[in-house]
């Protein structure tokens, strides 16, 4: 199976970033509704995002991250993005983040994209485990990750600061059992 076969389903394609993605990245990265789940505190400029795009071709082993755009195969419309971050090659692990634009949520695209990324990470990159930090009140993300096989392995108390106060975060993990994981 080639690398690209891991990144394609019947309806989706996970593809590398392109310069034409700048307007979408600008829109999505600066959407304050999504800042609670990450560490963003200030907007991104187009200049910074353009520099990010220019350097996005470097391998995950160098940058410790990989962002792929989630695209509908039939229409070539980009509907979201999915990331591997904090890649740790020696220990064989990486964090996972996913974002689907509002009009395309609740249609099964996130689960398809996550399954594609899991297959790519485990079979091609030979990663031993993937993990996600999810606030305990983010029921949609919890359903998504558990539907693909991630399990909760603990709770980090008062981990994320939000306008409503500090939130607990569950750590969800998926171990690649093909590599001897338990």
Foldseek 3Di string as FASTA:
>chain_A
DDLQVLQDDPWKGWAADDLVCLVVCQVVQQPVVPCQQDPDDDHDDSVVVNVCSVPQVDDCVVVVKHKTFIATPPVRHTFWIKMWHNHDLVQQETEIDIDGPPVPPPPCSLLVRVSSVVCSSCPPVVGFKYKYKAFPPPVVVVVSVVVNPWDWDDKDPQPTQDPVGGTIITMTMDGDVVVVDD
